[in-house]
Amino acid sequence: MKKYNAVIDEIGNLVKNDRPVLVGTTSVEISELLSRMLKLRGIRHNVLNAKLHQKEAEIVAEAGHEGTVTIATNMAGRGTDIKLTPKVRTAGGLAIVGTERP
């Protein structure tokens, strides 16, 4: 649990600096755990875990906007480009946070 608290802390810091964050997980269970933890901290986010097939491409396309947090399993949103806004490019780009090795 210590690891996931550190992940949530890092996400919070990145969002404060207008960085979008893509969080990679290896299971639906971990993606849902992180989602619950983010909700407790009041951090808005999207979860892609292959449950919302139709909406996933739209969510992934918006993952490059400032302050956006997207949690995704390995299979979610494949084949969709993440477009970065100019503000995000200036802030340092899209931050990728891995929670474990696949």
C-alpha atoms as a PDB file:
ATOM      1  CA  MET A   1       0.000   0.000   0.000  1.00  0.00           C
ATOM      2  CA  LYS A   2       2.986   2.287   0.627  1.00  0.00           C
ATOM      3  CA  LYS A   3       3.852   2.104  -3.076  1.00  0.00           C
ATOM      4  CA  TYR A   4       0.362   3.195  -4.129  1.00  0.00           C
ATOM      5  CA  ASN A   5       0.360   6.093  -1.650  1.00  0.00           C
ATOM      6  CA  ALA A   6       3.635   7.251  -3.227  1.00  0.00           C
ATOM      7  CA  VAL A   7       2.064   6.964  -6.693  1.00  0.00           C
ATOM      8  CA  ILE A   8      -0.915   9.075  -5.576  1.00  0.00           C
ATOM      9  CA  ASP A   9       1.434  11.679  -4.039  1.00  0.00           C
ATOM     10  CA  GLU A  10       3.391  11.903  -7.306  1.00  0.00           C
ATOM     11  CA  ILE A  11       0.169  12.259  -9.325  1.00  0.00           C
ATOM     12  CA  GLY A  12      -0.959  15.087  -7.041  1.00  0.00           C
ATOM     13  CA  ASN A  13       2.341  16.928  -7.521  1.00  0.00           C
ATOM     14  CA  LEU A  14       2.253  16.548 -11.294  1.00  0.00           C
ATOM     15  CA  VAL A  15      -1.348  17.760 -11.550  1.00  0.00           C
ATOM     16  CA  LYS A  16      -0.510  20.862  -9.481  1.00  0.00           C
ATOM     17  CA  ASN A  17       2.034  21.704 -12.191  1.00  0.00           C
ATOM     18  CA  ASP A  18      -0.533  21.292 -15.002  1.00  0.00           C
ATOM     19  CA  ARG A  19       1.053  18.056 -16.213  1.00  0.00           C
ATOM     20  CA  PRO A  20      -1.276  15.378 -17.529  1.00  0.00           C
ATOM     21  CA  VAL A  21      -0.573  11.947 -16.074  1.00  0.00           C
ATOM     22  CA  LEU A  22      -1.016   8.523 -17.643  1.00  0.00           C
ATOM     23  CA  VAL A  23      -0.855   5.812 -14.975  1.00  0.00           C
ATOM     24  CA  GLY A  24      -0.181   2.294 -16.243  1.00  0.00           C
ATOM     25  CA  THR A  25      -1.490  -0.696 -14.318  1.00  0.00           C
ATOM     26  CA  THR A  26      -1.459  -4.420 -15.039  1.00  0.00           C
ATOM     27  CA  SER A  27      -4.920  -5.263 -13.717  1.00  0.00           C
ATOM     28  CA  VAL A  28      -8.445  -3.956 -13.413  1.00  0.00           C
ATOM     29  CA  GLU A  29      -8.214  -4.402  -9.638  1.00  0.00           C
ATOM     30  CA  ILE A  30      -5.194  -2.101  -9.313  1.00  0.00           C
ATOM     31  CA  SER A  31      -6.760   0.504 -11.603  1.00  0.00           C
ATOM     32  CA  GLU A  32      -9.891   0.525  -9.433  1.00  0.00           C
ATOM     33  CA  LEU A  33      -7.838   0.730  -6.211  1.00  0.00           C
ATOM     34  CA  LEU A  34      -5.928   3.757  -7.528  1.00  0.00           C
ATOM     35  CA  SER A  35      -9.205   5.317  -8.634  1.00  0.00           C
ATOM     36  CA  ARG A  36     -10.643   4.994  -5.118  1.00  0.00           C
ATOM     37  CA  MET A  37      -7.472   6.525  -3.650  1.00  0.00           C
ATOM     38  CA  LEU A  38      -7.594   9.463  -6.078  1.00  0.00           C
ATOM     39  CA  LYS A  39     -11.259  10.054  -5.233  1.00  0.00           C
ATOM     40  CA  LEU A  40     -10.379  10.228  -1.536  1.00  0.00           C
ATOM     41  CA  ARG A  41      -7.835  12.959  -2.343  1.00  0.00           C
ATOM     42  CA  GLY A  42     -10.265  14.835  -4.571  1.00  0.00           C
ATOM     43  CA  ILE A  43      -8.195  14.328  -7.739  1.00  0.00           C
ATOM     44  CA  ARG A  44     -10.343  14.119 -10.869  1.00  0.00           C
ATOM     45  CA  HIS A  45      -9.389  11.273 -13.196  1.00  0.00           C
ATOM     46  CA  ASN A  46     -10.546   8.769 -15.801  1.00  0.00           C
ATOM     47  CA  VAL A  47     -10.173   5.004 -15.609  1.00  0.00           C
ATOM     48  CA  LEU A  48      -9.624   2.861 -18.689  1.00  0.00           C
ATOM     49  CA  ASN A  49      -9.706  -0.815 -17.938  1.00  0.00           C
ATOM     50  CA  ALA A  50     -11.360  -2.279 -21.025  1.00  0.00           C
ATOM     51  CA  LYS A  51     -14.820  -1.979 -19.488  1.00  0.00           C
ATOM     52  CA  LEU A  52     -15.900   1.132 -21.463  1.00  0.00           C
ATOM     53  CA  HIS A  53     -14.801   0.175 -24.983  1.00  0.00           C
ATOM     54  CA  GLN A  54     -16.799   2.869 -26.797  1.00  0.00           C
ATOM     55  CA  LYS A  55     -15.672   5.767 -24.629  1.00  0.00           C
ATOM     56  CA  GLU A  56     -12.027   4.749 -24.284  1.00  0.00           C
ATOM     57  CA  ALA A  57     -10.760   6.315 -27.507  1.00  0.00           C
ATOM     58  CA  GLU A  58     -12.322   9.654 -26.519  1.00  0.00           C
ATOM     59  CA  ILE A  59     -10.797   9.511 -23.027  1.00  0.00           C
ATOM     60  CA  VAL A  60      -7.340   8.610 -24.370  1.00  0.00           C
ATOM     61  CA  ALA A  61      -7.468  11.410 -26.929  1.00  0.00           C
ATOM     62  CA  GLU A  62      -8.030  13.894 -24.065  1.00  0.00           C
ATOM     63  CA  ALA A  63      -5.293  12.402 -21.846  1.00  0.00           C
ATOM     64  CA  GLY A  64      -2.826  15.054 -23.054  1.00  0.00           C
ATOM     65  CA  HIS A  65      -4.725  18.045 -21.663  1.00  0.00           C
ATOM     66  CA  GLU A  66      -3.327  19.934 -18.679  1.00  0.00           C
ATOM     67  CA  GLY A  67      -4.075  18.406 -15.289  1.00  0.00           C
ATOM     68  CA  THR A  68      -5.791  15.319 -16.745  1.00  0.00           C
ATOM     69  CA  VAL A  69      -5.184  12.042 -14.915  1.00  0.00           C
ATOM     70  CA  THR A  70      -5.841   8.805 -16.786  1.00  0.00           C
ATOM     71  CA  ILE A  71      -5.428   5.359 -15.239  1.00  0.00           C
ATOM     72  CA  ALA A  72      -5.144   2.609 -17.834  1.00  0.00           C
ATOM     73  CA  THR A  73      -4.549  -1.125 -17.931  1.00  0.00           C
ATOM     74  CA  ASN A  74      -2.285  -2.501 -20.653  1.00  0.00           C
ATOM     75  CA  MET A  75      -5.140  -3.223 -23.061  1.00  0.00           C
ATOM     76  CA  ALA A  76      -7.108   0.007 -22.676  1.00  0.00           C
ATOM     77  CA  GLY A  77      -7.328   2.598 -25.437  1.00  0.00           C
ATOM     78  CA  ARG A  78      -4.910   0.941 -27.843  1.00  0.00           C
ATOM     79  CA  GLY A  79      -4.433   2.619 -31.198  1.00  0.00           C
ATOM     80  CA  THR A  80      -5.489   6.116 -30.119  1.00  0.00           C
ATOM     81  CA  ASP A  81      -3.099   9.067 -30.294  1.00  0.00           C
ATOM     82  CA  ILE A  82      -2.639  11.282 -27.231  1.00  0.00           C
ATOM     83  CA  LYS A  83      -2.420  14.875 -28.412  1.00  0.00           C
ATOM     84  CA  LEU A  84      -0.600  17.329 -26.141  1.00  0.00           C
ATOM     85  CA  THR A  85      -1.759  20.917 -25.790  1.00  0.00           C
ATOM     86  CA  PRO A  86       0.845  23.710 -26.132  1.00  0.00           C
ATOM     87  CA  LYS A  87       0.531  24.438 -22.390  1.00  0.00           C
ATOM     88  CA  VAL A  88       1.330  20.795 -21.593  1.00  0.00           C
ATOM     89  CA  ARG A  89       4.381  20.854 -23.866  1.00  0.00           C
ATOM     90  CA  THR A  90       5.654  23.923 -22.001  1.00  0.00           C
ATOM     91  CA  ALA A  91       4.978  22.301 -18.598  1.00  0.00           C
ATOM     92  CA  GLY A  92       7.109  19.274 -19.501  1.00  0.00           C
ATOM     93  CA  GLY A  93       4.790  16.980 -21.440  1.00  0.00           C
ATOM     94  CA  LEU A  94       2.801  13.923 -20.509  1.00  0.00           C
ATOM     95  CA  ALA A  95       4.029  12.195 -17.342  1.00  0.00           C
ATOM     96  CA  ILE A  96       3.926   8.393 -17.418  1.00  0.00           C
ATOM     97  CA  VAL A  97       3.718   6.586 -14.071  1.00  0.00           C
ATOM     98  CA  GLY A  98       4.051   2.806 -13.987  1.00  0.00           C
ATOM     99  CA  THR A  99       2.752   0.960 -10.946  1.00  0.00           C
ATOM    100  CA  GLU A 100       4.436  -2.387 -11.598  1.00  0.00           C
ATOM    101  CA  ARG A 101       6.260  -4.386 -14.237  1.00  0.00           C
ATOM    102  CA  PRO A 102       3.968  -6.079 -16.759  1.00  0.00           C
END
